Amino acid sequence: MIAAWSVDRLGRSLQDLVGFLTELQTLRCHLYLHQQARPSGRAMFQMLGVFAVFERGMIRERVNSGLARAKAKGVKLGRRRVKPVVEARIRELRAEGMGC
């Protein structure tokens, strides 16, 4: 079990908080929040989780919309290609066993 004084001590943002809670759930670890131990505190905590999921969905929609708009304008997305000399050197090093 992890104990904390209040929900505002657990994460910097709602997204961070939801990630933390998901990790705790995966580990089957319980969370005790002193200030949110009452039913009204639990309700507030659950509402924050709902808003975090909503916020993440809105961010995803804006990003996808921006990417679609950029593609429609003909903007090339992604990294620039490396120079052929650099690519050749990378391949040499990989052949020698360096890297992943």
PDB file of N, CA and C in Angstrom:
ATOM      1  N   MET A   1       0.845  -1.183   0.000  1.00  0.00           N
ATOM      2  CA  MET A   1       0.000   0.000   0.000  1.00  0.00           C
ATOM      3  C   MET A   1       0.886   1.241   0.000  1.00  0.00           C
ATOM      4  N   ILE A   2       0.448   2.227  -0.742  1.00  0.00           N
ATOM      5  CA  ILE A   2       1.120   3.522  -0.756  1.00  0.00           C
ATOM      6  C   ILE A   2       0.192   4.512  -0.070  1.00  0.00           C
ATOM      7  N   ALA A   3       0.740   5.290   0.838  1.00  0.00           N
ATOM      8  CA  ALA A   3      -0.049   6.297   1.547  1.00  0.00           C
ATOM      9  C   ALA A   3       0.490   7.680   1.204  1.00  0.00           C
ATOM     10  N   ALA A   4      -0.419   8.604   0.955  1.00  0.00           N
ATOM     11  CA  ALA A   4      -0.040   9.987   0.658  1.00  0.00           C
ATOM     12  C   ALA A   4      -1.016  10.909   1.375  1.00  0.00           C
ATOM     13  N   TRP A   5      -0.591  12.140   1.578  1.00  0.00           N
ATOM     14  CA  TRP A   5      -1.432  13.106   2.275  1.00  0.00           C
ATOM     15  C   TRP A   5      -2.640  13.482   1.428  1.00  0.00           C
ATOM     16  N   SER A   6      -2.394  13.783   0.140  1.00  0.00           N
ATOM     17  CA  SER A   6      -3.470  14.253  -0.718  1.00  0.00           C
ATOM     18  C   SER A   6      -3.159  13.915  -2.161  1.00  0.00           C
ATOM     19  N   VAL A   7      -4.171  13.932  -2.999  1.00  0.00           N
ATOM     20  CA  VAL A   7      -4.004  13.594  -4.413  1.00  0.00           C
ATOM     21  C   VAL A   7      -3.066  14.570  -5.127  1.00  0.00           C
ATOM     22  N   ASP A   8      -3.020  15.822  -4.671  1.00  0.00           N
ATOM     23  CA  ASP A   8      -2.163  16.801  -5.343  1.00  0.00           C
ATOM     24  C   ASP A   8      -0.678  16.528  -5.119  1.00  0.00           C
ATOM     25  N   ARG A   9      -0.343  15.600  -4.247  1.00  0.00           N
ATOM     26  CA  ARG A   9       1.057  15.240  -3.999  1.00  0.00           C
ATOM     27  C   ARG A   9       1.532  14.090  -4.882  1.00  0.00           C
ATOM     28  N   LEU A  10       0.641  13.517  -5.677  1.00  0.00           N
ATOM     29  CA  LEU A  10       0.986  12.324  -6.450  1.00  0.00           C
ATOM     30  C   LEU A  10       1.447  12.604  -7.872  1.00  0.00           C
ATOM     31  N   GLY A  11       0.991  13.668  -8.495  1.00  0.00           N
ATOM     32  CA  GLY A  11       1.359  13.915  -9.884  1.00  0.00           C
ATOM     33  C   GLY A  11       1.359  15.382 -10.222  1.00  0.00           C
ATOM     34  N   ARG A  12       2.079  15.716 -11.292  1.00  0.00           N
ATOM     35  CA  ARG A  12       2.181  17.112 -11.735  1.00  0.00           C
ATOM     36  C   ARG A  12       0.994  17.528 -12.581  1.00  0.00           C
ATOM     37  N   SER A  13       0.357  16.553 -13.241  1.00  0.00           N
ATOM     38  CA  SER A  13      -0.777  16.851 -14.108  1.00  0.00           C
ATOM     39  C   SER A  13      -1.769  15.705 -14.012  1.00  0.00           C
ATOM     40  N   LEU A  14      -2.931  15.907 -14.571  1.00  0.00           N
ATOM     41  CA  LEU A  14      -3.928  14.844 -14.561  1.00  0.00           C
ATOM     42  C   LEU A  14      -3.433  13.631 -15.337  1.00  0.00           C
ATOM     43  N   GLN A  15      -2.772  13.885 -16.448  1.00  0.00           N
ATOM     44  CA  GLN A  15      -2.242  12.783 -17.253  1.00  0.00           C
ATOM     45  C   GLN A  15      -1.205  11.991 -16.463  1.00  0.00           C
ATOM     46  N   ASP A  16      -0.341  12.690 -15.767  1.00  0.00           N
ATOM     47  CA  ASP A  16       0.666  12.047 -14.927  1.00  0.00           C
ATOM     48  C   ASP A  16      -0.001  11.226 -13.827  1.00  0.00           C
ATOM     49  N   LEU A  17      -1.036  11.769 -13.240  1.00  0.00           N
ATOM     50  CA  LEU A  17      -1.758  11.090 -12.169  1.00  0.00           C
ATOM     51  C   LEU A  17      -2.423   9.811 -12.679  1.00  0.00           C
ATOM     52  N   VAL A  18      -3.055   9.885 -13.838  1.00  0.00           N
ATOM     53  CA  VAL A  18      -3.709   8.702 -14.397  1.00  0.00           C
ATOM     54  C   VAL A  18      -2.674   7.634 -14.720  1.00  0.00           C
ATOM     55  N   GLY A  19      -1.526   8.030 -15.253  1.00  0.00           N
ATOM     56  CA  GLY A  19      -0.457   7.067 -15.521  1.00  0.00           C
ATOM     57  C   GLY A  19       0.014   6.379 -14.249  1.00  0.00           C
ATOM     58  N   PHE A  20       0.166   7.165 -13.196  1.00  0.00           N
ATOM     59  CA  PHE A  20       0.596   6.617 -11.905  1.00  0.00           C
ATOM     60  C   PHE A  20      -0.432   5.623 -11.368  1.00  0.00           C
ATOM     61  N   LEU A  21      -1.698   5.993 -11.451  1.00  0.00           N
ATOM     62  CA  LEU A  21      -2.754   5.111 -10.955  1.00  0.00           C
ATOM     63  C   LEU A  21      -2.846   3.824 -11.776  1.00  0.00           C
ATOM     64  N   THR A  22      -2.642   3.934 -13.070  1.00  0.00           N
ATOM     65  CA  THR A  22      -2.644   2.747 -13.929  1.00  0.00           C
ATOM     66  C   THR A  22      -1.509   1.816 -13.537  1.00  0.00           C
ATOM     67  N   GLU A  23      -0.340   2.403 -13.265  1.00  0.00           N
ATOM     68  CA  GLU A  23       0.802   1.591 -12.842  1.00  0.00           C
ATOM     69  C   GLU A  23       0.520   0.898 -11.505  1.00  0.00           C
ATOM     70  N   LEU A  24      -0.075   1.619 -10.572  1.00  0.00           N
ATOM     71  CA  LEU A  24      -0.427   1.010  -9.282  1.00  0.00           C
ATOM     72  C   LEU A  24      -1.414  -0.144  -9.468  1.00  0.00           C
ATOM     73  N   GLN A  25      -2.384   0.073 -10.350  1.00  0.00           N
ATOM     74  CA  GLN A  25      -3.384  -0.961 -10.600  1.00  0.00           C
ATOM     75  C   GLN A  25      -2.727  -2.196 -11.214  1.00  0.00           C
ATOM     76  N   THR A  26      -1.784  -1.993 -12.122  1.00  0.00           N
ATOM     77  CA  THR A  26      -1.073  -3.109 -12.740  1.00  0.00           C
ATOM     78  C   THR A  26      -0.306  -3.909 -11.695  1.00  0.00           C
ATOM     79  N   LEU A  27       0.290  -3.199 -10.743  1.00  0.00           N
ATOM     80  CA  LEU A  27       1.056  -3.853  -9.679  1.00  0.00           C
ATOM     81  C   LEU A  27       0.167  -4.382  -8.557  1.00  0.00           C
ATOM     82  N   ARG A  28      -1.140  -4.150  -8.674  1.00  0.00           N
ATOM     83  CA  ARG A  28      -2.107  -4.536  -7.640  1.00  0.00           C
ATOM     84  C   ARG A  28      -1.750  -3.933  -6.286  1.00  0.00           C
ATOM     85  N   CYS A  29      -1.362  -2.681  -6.343  1.00  0.00           N
ATOM     86  CA  CYS A  29      -0.972  -1.943  -5.142  1.00  0.00           C
ATOM     87  C   CYS A  29      -2.109  -1.001  -4.756  1.00  0.00           C
ATOM     88  N   HIS A  30      -2.445  -0.940  -3.479  1.00  0.00           N
ATOM     89  CA  HIS A  30      -3.515  -0.071  -2.993  1.00  0.00           C
ATOM     90  C   HIS A  30      -2.958   1.320  -2.699  1.00  0.00           C
ATOM     91  N   LEU A  31      -3.854   2.297  -2.749  1.00  0.00           N
ATOM     92  CA  LEU A  31      -3.483   3.689  -2.505  1.00  0.00           C
ATOM     93  C   LEU A  31      -4.388   4.245  -1.414  1.00  0.00           C
ATOM     94  N   TYR A  32      -3.774   4.871  -0.405  1.00  0.00           N
ATOM     95  CA  TYR A  32      -4.530   5.529   0.657  1.00  0.00           C
ATOM     96  C   TYR A  32      -4.194   7.009   0.620  1.00  0.00           C
ATOM     97  N   LEU A  33      -5.214   7.837   0.485  1.00  0.00           N
ATOM     98  CA  LEU A  33      -5.039   9.289   0.497  1.00  0.00           C
ATOM     99  C   LEU A  33      -5.735   9.834   1.735  1.00  0.00           C
ATOM    100  N   HIS A  34      -4.949  10.382   2.641  1.00  0.00           N
ATOM    101  CA  HIS A  34      -5.483  10.826   3.927  1.00  0.00           C
ATOM    102  C   HIS A  34      -6.616  11.839   3.754  1.00  0.00           C
ATOM    103  N   GLN A  35      -6.414  12.847   2.920  1.00  0.00           N
ATOM    104  CA  GLN A  35      -7.421  13.895   2.751  1.00  0.00           C
ATOM    105  C   GLN A  35      -8.638  13.428   1.950  1.00  0.00           C
ATOM    106  N   GLN A  36      -8.470  12.385   1.148  1.00  0.00           N
ATOM    107  CA  GLN A  36      -9.575  11.900   0.330  1.00  0.00           C
ATOM    108  C   GLN A  36     -10.164  10.590   0.864  1.00  0.00           C
ATOM    109  N   ALA A  37      -9.992  10.315   2.147  1.00  0.00           N
ATOM    110  CA  ALA A  37     -10.479   9.062   2.724  1.00  0.00           C
ATOM    111  C   ALA A  37     -11.994   9.052   2.876  1.00  0.00           C
ATOM    112  N   ARG A  38     -12.608  10.218   2.876  1.00  0.00           N
ATOM    113  CA  ARG A  38     -14.061  10.302   3.027  1.00  0.00           C
ATOM    114  C   ARG A  38     -14.735  10.066   1.676  1.00  0.00           C
ATOM    115  N   PRO A  39     -16.024   9.722   1.665  1.00  0.00           N
ATOM    116  CA  PRO A  39     -16.731   9.476   0.390  1.00  0.00           C
ATOM    117  C   PRO A  39     -16.657  10.651  -0.575  1.00  0.00           C
ATOM    118  N   SER A  40     -16.744  11.878  -0.075  1.00  0.00           N
ATOM    119  CA  SER A  40     -16.667  13.039  -0.972  1.00  0.00           C
ATOM    120  C   SER A  40     -15.279  13.141  -1.604  1.00  0.00           C
ATOM    121  N   GLY A  41     -14.259  12.770  -0.864  1.00  0.00           N
ATOM    122  CA  GLY A  41     -12.901  12.778  -1.410  1.00  0.00           C
ATOM    123  C   GLY A  41     -12.717  11.732  -2.484  1.00  0.00           C
ATOM    124  N   ARG A  42     -13.298  10.559  -2.268  1.00  0.00           N
ATOM    125  CA  ARG A  42     -13.209   9.501  -3.286  1.00  0.00           C
ATOM    126  C   ARG A  42     -13.927   9.930  -4.557  1.00  0.00           C
ATOM    127  N   ALA A  43     -15.088  10.568  -4.407  1.00  0.00           N
ATOM    128  CA  ALA A  43     -15.842  11.031  -5.577  1.00  0.00           C
ATOM    129  C   ALA A  43     -15.032  12.062  -6.354  1.00  0.00           C
ATOM    130  N   MET A  44     -14.404  12.985  -5.630  1.00  0.00           N
ATOM    131  CA  MET A  44     -13.579  14.011  -6.278  1.00  0.00           C
ATOM    132  C   MET A  44     -12.412  13.365  -7.018  1.00  0.00           C
ATOM    133  N   PHE A  45     -11.797  12.386  -6.396  1.00  0.00           N
ATOM    134  CA  PHE A  45     -10.663  11.700  -7.004  1.00  0.00           C
ATOM    135  C   PHE A  45     -11.091  11.005  -8.295  1.00  0.00           C
ATOM    136  N   GLN A  46     -12.240  10.351  -8.289  1.00  0.00           N
ATOM    137  CA  GLN A  46     -12.732   9.675  -9.477  1.00  0.00           C
ATOM    138  C   GLN A  46     -13.088  10.668 -10.575  1.00  0.00           C
ATOM    139  N   MET A  47     -13.636  11.820 -10.194  1.00  0.00           N
ATOM    140  CA  MET A  47     -13.948  12.847 -11.198  1.00  0.00           C
ATOM    141  C   MET A  47     -12.671  13.367 -11.849  1.00  0.00           C
ATOM    142  N   LEU A  48     -11.622  13.535 -11.054  1.00  0.00           N
ATOM    143  CA  LEU A  48     -10.353  13.969 -11.627  1.00  0.00           C
ATOM    144  C   LEU A  48      -9.860  12.960 -12.660  1.00  0.00           C
ATOM    145  N   GLY A  49     -10.028  11.694 -12.378  1.00  0.00           N
ATOM    146  CA  GLY A  49      -9.641  10.664 -13.333  1.00  0.00           C
ATOM    147  C   GLY A  49     -10.434  10.759 -14.625  1.00  0.00           C
ATOM    148  N   VAL A  50     -11.731  11.014 -14.519  1.00  0.00           N
ATOM    149  CA  VAL A  50     -12.576  11.163 -15.702  1.00  0.00           C
ATOM    150  C   VAL A  50     -12.113  12.358 -16.531  1.00  0.00           C
ATOM    151  N   PHE A  51     -11.826  13.470 -15.874  1.00  0.00           N
ATOM    152  CA  PHE A  51     -11.373  14.652 -16.594  1.00  0.00           C
ATOM    153  C   PHE A  51     -10.006  14.424 -17.241  1.00  0.00           C
ATOM    154  N   ALA A  52      -9.159  13.644 -16.598  1.00  0.00           N
ATOM    155  CA  ALA A  52      -7.846  13.348 -17.178  1.00  0.00           C
ATOM    156  C   ALA A  52      -7.991  12.542 -18.461  1.00  0.00           C
ATOM    157  N   VAL A  53      -8.880  11.571 -18.456  1.00  0.00           N
ATOM    158  CA  VAL A  53      -9.113  10.775 -19.663  1.00  0.00           C
ATOM    159  C   VAL A  53      -9.698  11.662 -20.762  1.00  0.00           C
ATOM    160  N   PHE A  54     -10.622  12.530 -20.398  1.00  0.00           N
ATOM    161  CA  PHE A  54     -11.209  13.462 -21.358  1.00  0.00           C
ATOM    162  C   PHE A  54     -10.142  14.386 -21.945  1.00  0.00           C
ATOM    163  N   GLU A  55      -9.290  14.934 -21.082  1.00  0.00           N
ATOM    164  CA  GLU A  55      -8.227  15.834 -21.524  1.00  0.00           C
ATOM    165  C   GLU A  55      -7.291  15.124 -22.497  1.00  0.00           C
ATOM    166  N   ARG A  56      -6.927  13.907 -22.200  1.00  0.00           N
ATOM    167  CA  ARG A  56      -6.035  13.140 -23.077  1.00  0.00           C
ATOM    168  C   ARG A  56      -6.676  12.904 -24.442  1.00  0.00           C
ATOM    169  N   GLY A  57      -7.969  12.613 -24.453  1.00  0.00           N
ATOM    170  CA  GLY A  57      -8.686  12.430 -25.718  1.00  0.00           C
ATOM    171  C   GLY A  57      -8.707  13.698 -26.553  1.00  0.00           C
ATOM    172  N   MET A  58      -8.907  14.832 -25.893  1.00  0.00           N
ATOM    173  CA  MET A  58      -8.922  16.123 -26.601  1.00  0.00           C
ATOM    174  C   MET A  58      -7.542  16.431 -27.191  1.00  0.00           C
ATOM    175  N   ILE A  59      -6.498  16.162 -26.440  1.00  0.00           N
ATOM    176  CA  ILE A  59      -5.138  16.387 -26.933  1.00  0.00           C
ATOM    177  C   ILE A  59      -4.886  15.518 -28.158  1.00  0.00           C
ATOM    178  N   ARG A  60      -5.288  14.255 -28.079  1.00  0.00           N
ATOM    179  CA  ARG A  60      -5.091  13.325 -29.198  1.00  0.00           C
ATOM    180  C   ARG A  60      -5.813  13.843 -30.451  1.00  0.00           C
ATOM    181  N   GLU A  61      -7.049  14.320 -30.293  1.00  0.00           N
ATOM    182  CA  GLU A  61      -7.811  14.846 -31.428  1.00  0.00           C
ATOM    183  C   GLU A  61      -7.120  16.055 -32.046  1.00  0.00           C
ATOM    184  N   ARG A  62      -6.621  16.965 -31.214  1.00  0.00           N
ATOM    185  CA  ARG A  62      -5.943  18.155 -31.739  1.00  0.00           C
ATOM    186  C   ARG A  62      -4.674  17.792 -32.492  1.00  0.00           C
ATOM    187  N   VAL A  63      -3.909  16.848 -31.957  1.00  0.00           N
ATOM    188  CA  VAL A  63      -2.673  16.425 -32.614  1.00  0.00           C
ATOM    189  C   VAL A  63      -2.983  15.790 -33.965  1.00  0.00           C
ATOM    190  N   ASN A  64      -3.938  14.880 -33.981  1.00  0.00           N
ATOM    191  CA  ASN A  64      -4.295  14.214 -35.236  1.00  0.00           C
ATOM    192  C   ASN A  64      -4.832  15.208 -36.261  1.00  0.00           C
ATOM    193  N   SER A  65      -5.612  16.183 -35.813  1.00  0.00           N
ATOM    194  CA  SER A  65      -6.131  17.212 -36.707  1.00  0.00           C
ATOM    195  C   SER A  65      -4.988  18.044 -37.292  1.00  0.00           C
ATOM    196  N   GLY A  66      -4.028  18.401 -36.451  1.00  0.00           N
ATOM    197  CA  GLY A  66      -2.871  19.170 -36.921  1.00  0.00           C
ATOM    198  C   GLY A  66      -2.027  18.387 -37.917  1.00  0.00           C
ATOM    199  N   LEU A  67      -1.849  17.099 -37.660  1.00  0.00           N
ATOM    200  CA  LEU A  67      -1.086  16.258 -38.590  1.00  0.00           C
ATOM    201  C   LEU A  67      -1.802  16.150 -39.934  1.00  0.00           C
ATOM    202  N   ALA A  68      -3.111  15.972 -39.900  1.00  0.00           N
ATOM    203  CA  ALA A  68      -3.885  15.879 -41.140  1.00  0.00           C
ATOM    204  C   ALA A  68      -3.809  17.185 -41.923  1.00  0.00           C
ATOM    205  N   ARG A  69      -3.893  18.315 -41.226  1.00  0.00           N
ATOM    206  CA  ARG A  69      -3.800  19.622 -41.882  1.00  0.00           C
ATOM    207  C   ARG A  69      -2.425  19.814 -42.516  1.00  0.00           C
ATOM    208  N   ALA A  70      -1.372  19.396 -41.814  1.00  0.00           N
ATOM    209  CA  ALA A  70      -0.015  19.522 -42.351  1.00  0.00           C
ATOM    210  C   ALA A  70       0.156  18.643 -43.586  1.00  0.00           C
ATOM    211  N   LYS A  71      -0.362  17.417 -43.542  1.00  0.00           N
ATOM    212  CA  LYS A  71      -0.269  16.523 -44.700  1.00  0.00           C
ATOM    213  C   LYS A  71      -1.004  17.108 -45.898  1.00  0.00           C
ATOM    214  N   ALA A  72      -2.190  17.697 -45.649  1.00  0.00           N
ATOM    215  CA  ALA A  72      -2.971  18.301 -46.730  1.00  0.00           C
ATOM    216  C   ALA A  72      -2.222  19.457 -47.383  1.00  0.00           C
ATOM    217  N   LYS A  73      -1.398  20.154 -46.608  1.00  0.00           N
ATOM    218  CA  LYS A  73      -0.603  21.258 -47.146  1.00  0.00           C
ATOM    219  C   LYS A  73       0.671  20.767 -47.827  1.00  0.00           C
ATOM    220  N   GLY A  74       0.927  19.461 -47.737  1.00  0.00           N
ATOM    221  CA  GLY A  74       2.108  18.900 -48.382  1.00  0.00           C
ATOM    222  C   GLY A  74       3.367  18.937 -47.532  1.00  0.00           C
ATOM    223  N   VAL A  75       3.220  19.177 -46.252  1.00  0.00           N
ATOM    224  CA  VAL A  75       4.373  19.226 -45.350  1.00  0.00           C
ATOM    225  C   VAL A  75       4.889  17.810 -45.139  1.00  0.00           C
ATOM    226  N   LYS A  76       6.202  17.640 -45.259  1.00  0.00           N
ATOM    227  CA  LYS A  76       6.795  16.333 -44.993  1.00  0.00           C
ATOM    228  C   LYS A  76       6.911  16.149 -43.491  1.00  0.00           C
ATOM    229  N   LEU A  77       6.393  15.030 -43.008  1.00  0.00           N
ATOM    230  CA  LEU A  77       6.428  14.746 -41.583  1.00  0.00           C
ATOM    231  C   LEU A  77       7.536  13.747 -41.278  1.00  0.00           C
ATOM    232  N   GLY A  78       8.039  13.787 -40.085  1.00  0.00           N
ATOM    233  CA  GLY A  78       9.069  12.851 -39.659  1.00  0.00           C
ATOM    234  C   GLY A  78      10.452  13.469 -39.710  1.00  0.00           C
ATOM    235  N   ARG A  79      11.429  12.644 -39.383  1.00  0.00           N
ATOM    236  CA  ARG A  79      12.811  13.109 -39.356  1.00  0.00           C
ATOM    237  C   ARG A  79      13.360  13.297 -40.756  1.00  0.00           C
ATOM    238  N   ARG A  80      14.339  14.167 -40.858  1.00  0.00           N
ATOM    239  CA  ARG A  80      15.057  14.300 -42.121  1.00  0.00           C
ATOM    240  C   ARG A  80      15.966  13.100 -42.279  1.00  0.00           C
ATOM    241  N   ARG A  81      16.186  12.705 -43.500  1.00  0.00           N
ATOM    242  CA  ARG A  81      17.092  11.593 -43.753  1.00  0.00           C
ATOM    243  C   ARG A  81      18.518  12.049 -43.453  1.00  0.00           C
ATOM    244  N   VAL A  82      19.315  11.101 -42.961  1.00  0.00           N
ATOM    245  CA  VAL A  82      20.714  11.419 -42.701  1.00  0.00           C
ATOM    246  C   VAL A  82      21.487  11.367 -44.017  1.00  0.00           C
ATOM    247  N   LYS A  83      22.630  12.005 -44.038  1.00  0.00           N
ATOM    248  CA  LYS A  83      23.455  12.006 -45.247  1.00  0.00           C
ATOM    249  C   LYS A  83      23.936  10.581 -45.530  1.00  0.00           C
ATOM    250  N   PRO A  84      24.113  10.248 -46.820  1.00  0.00           N
ATOM    251  CA  PRO A  84      24.553   8.895 -47.175  1.00  0.00           C
ATOM    252  C   PRO A  84      25.861   8.478 -46.489  1.00  0.00           C
ATOM    253  N   VAL A  85      26.764   9.416 -46.287  1.00  0.00           N
ATOM    254  CA  VAL A  85      28.039   9.104 -45.629  1.00  0.00           C
ATOM    255  C   VAL A  85      27.787   8.667 -44.184  1.00  0.00           C
ATOM    256  N   VAL A  86      26.911   9.375 -43.506  1.00  0.00           N
ATOM    257  CA  VAL A  86      26.585   9.049 -42.123  1.00  0.00           C
ATOM    258  C   VAL A  86      25.877   7.695 -42.060  1.00  0.00           C
ATOM    259  N   GLU A  87      24.942   7.461 -42.981  1.00  0.00           N
ATOM    260  CA  GLU A  87      24.237   6.185 -43.005  1.00  0.00           C
ATOM    261  C   GLU A  87      25.203   5.026 -43.234  1.00  0.00           C
ATOM    262  N   ALA A  88      26.169   5.206 -44.140  1.00  0.00           N
ATOM    263  CA  ALA A  88      27.162   4.155 -44.409  1.00  0.00           C
ATOM    264  C   ALA A  88      27.976   3.853 -43.160  1.00  0.00           C
ATOM    265  N   ARG A  89      28.370   4.898 -42.432  1.00  0.00           N
ATOM    266  CA  ARG A  89      29.153   4.713 -41.216  1.00  0.00           C
ATOM    267  C   ARG A  89      28.337   3.973 -40.150  1.00  0.00           C
ATOM    268  N   ILE A  90      27.071   4.315 -40.051  1.00  0.00           N
ATOM    269  CA  ILE A  90      26.190   3.635 -39.087  1.00  0.00           C
ATOM    270  C   ILE A  90      26.099   2.152 -39.434  1.00  0.00           C
ATOM    271  N   ARG A  91      25.935   1.866 -40.710  1.00  0.00           N
ATOM    272  CA  ARG A  91      25.846   0.456 -41.131  1.00  0.00           C
ATOM    273  C   ARG A  91      27.157  -0.291 -40.843  1.00  0.00           C
ATOM    274  N   GLU A  92      28.297   0.374 -41.038  1.00  0.00           N
ATOM    275  CA  GLU A  92      29.597  -0.247 -40.718  1.00  0.00           C
ATOM    276  C   GLU A  92      29.676  -0.592 -39.232  1.00  0.00           C
ATOM    277  N   LEU A  93      29.310   0.364 -38.405  1.00  0.00           N
ATOM    278  CA  LEU A  93      29.369   0.148 -36.961  1.00  0.00           C
ATOM    279  C   LEU A  93      28.412  -0.963 -36.530  1.00  0.00           C
ATOM    280  N   ARG A  94      27.237  -0.997 -37.134  1.00  0.00           N
ATOM    281  CA  ARG A  94      26.279  -2.083 -36.809  1.00  0.00           C
ATOM    282  C   ARG A  94      26.844  -3.429 -37.199  1.00  0.00           C
ATOM    283  N   ALA A  95      27.512  -3.488 -38.361  1.00  0.00           N
ATOM    284  CA  ALA A  95      28.105  -4.747 -38.814  1.00  0.00           C
ATOM    285  C   ALA A  95      29.216  -5.221 -37.875  1.00  0.00           C
ATOM    286  N   GLU A  96      29.858  -4.253 -37.212  1.00  0.00           N
ATOM    287  CA  GLU A  96      30.918  -4.581 -36.248  1.00  0.00           C
ATOM    288  C   GLU A  96      30.348  -4.962 -34.885  1.00  0.00           C
ATOM    289  N   GLY A  97      29.027  -4.912 -34.754  1.00  0.00           N
ATOM    290  CA  GLY A  97      28.416  -5.320 -33.502  1.00  0.00           C
ATOM    291  C   GLY A  97      28.057  -4.182 -32.560  1.00  0.00           C
ATOM    292  N   MET A  98      28.243  -2.967 -32.966  1.00  0.00           N
ATOM    293  CA  MET A  98      27.881  -1.839 -32.103  1.00  0.00           C
ATOM    294  C   MET A  98      26.388  -1.528 -32.251  1.00  0.00           C
ATOM    295  N   GLY A  99      25.816  -0.990 -31.221  1.00  0.00           N
ATOM    296  CA  GLY A  99      24.408  -0.622 -31.251  1.00  0.00           C
ATOM    297  C   GLY A  99      23.515  -1.766 -30.823  1.00  0.00           C
ATOM    298  N   CYS A 100      22.243  -1.577 -31.018  1.00  0.00           N
ATOM    299  CA  CYS A 100      21.245  -2.569 -30.584  1.00  0.00           C
ATOM    300  C   CYS A 100      21.168  -3.744 -31.518  1.00  0.00           C
TER     301      CYS A 100
END
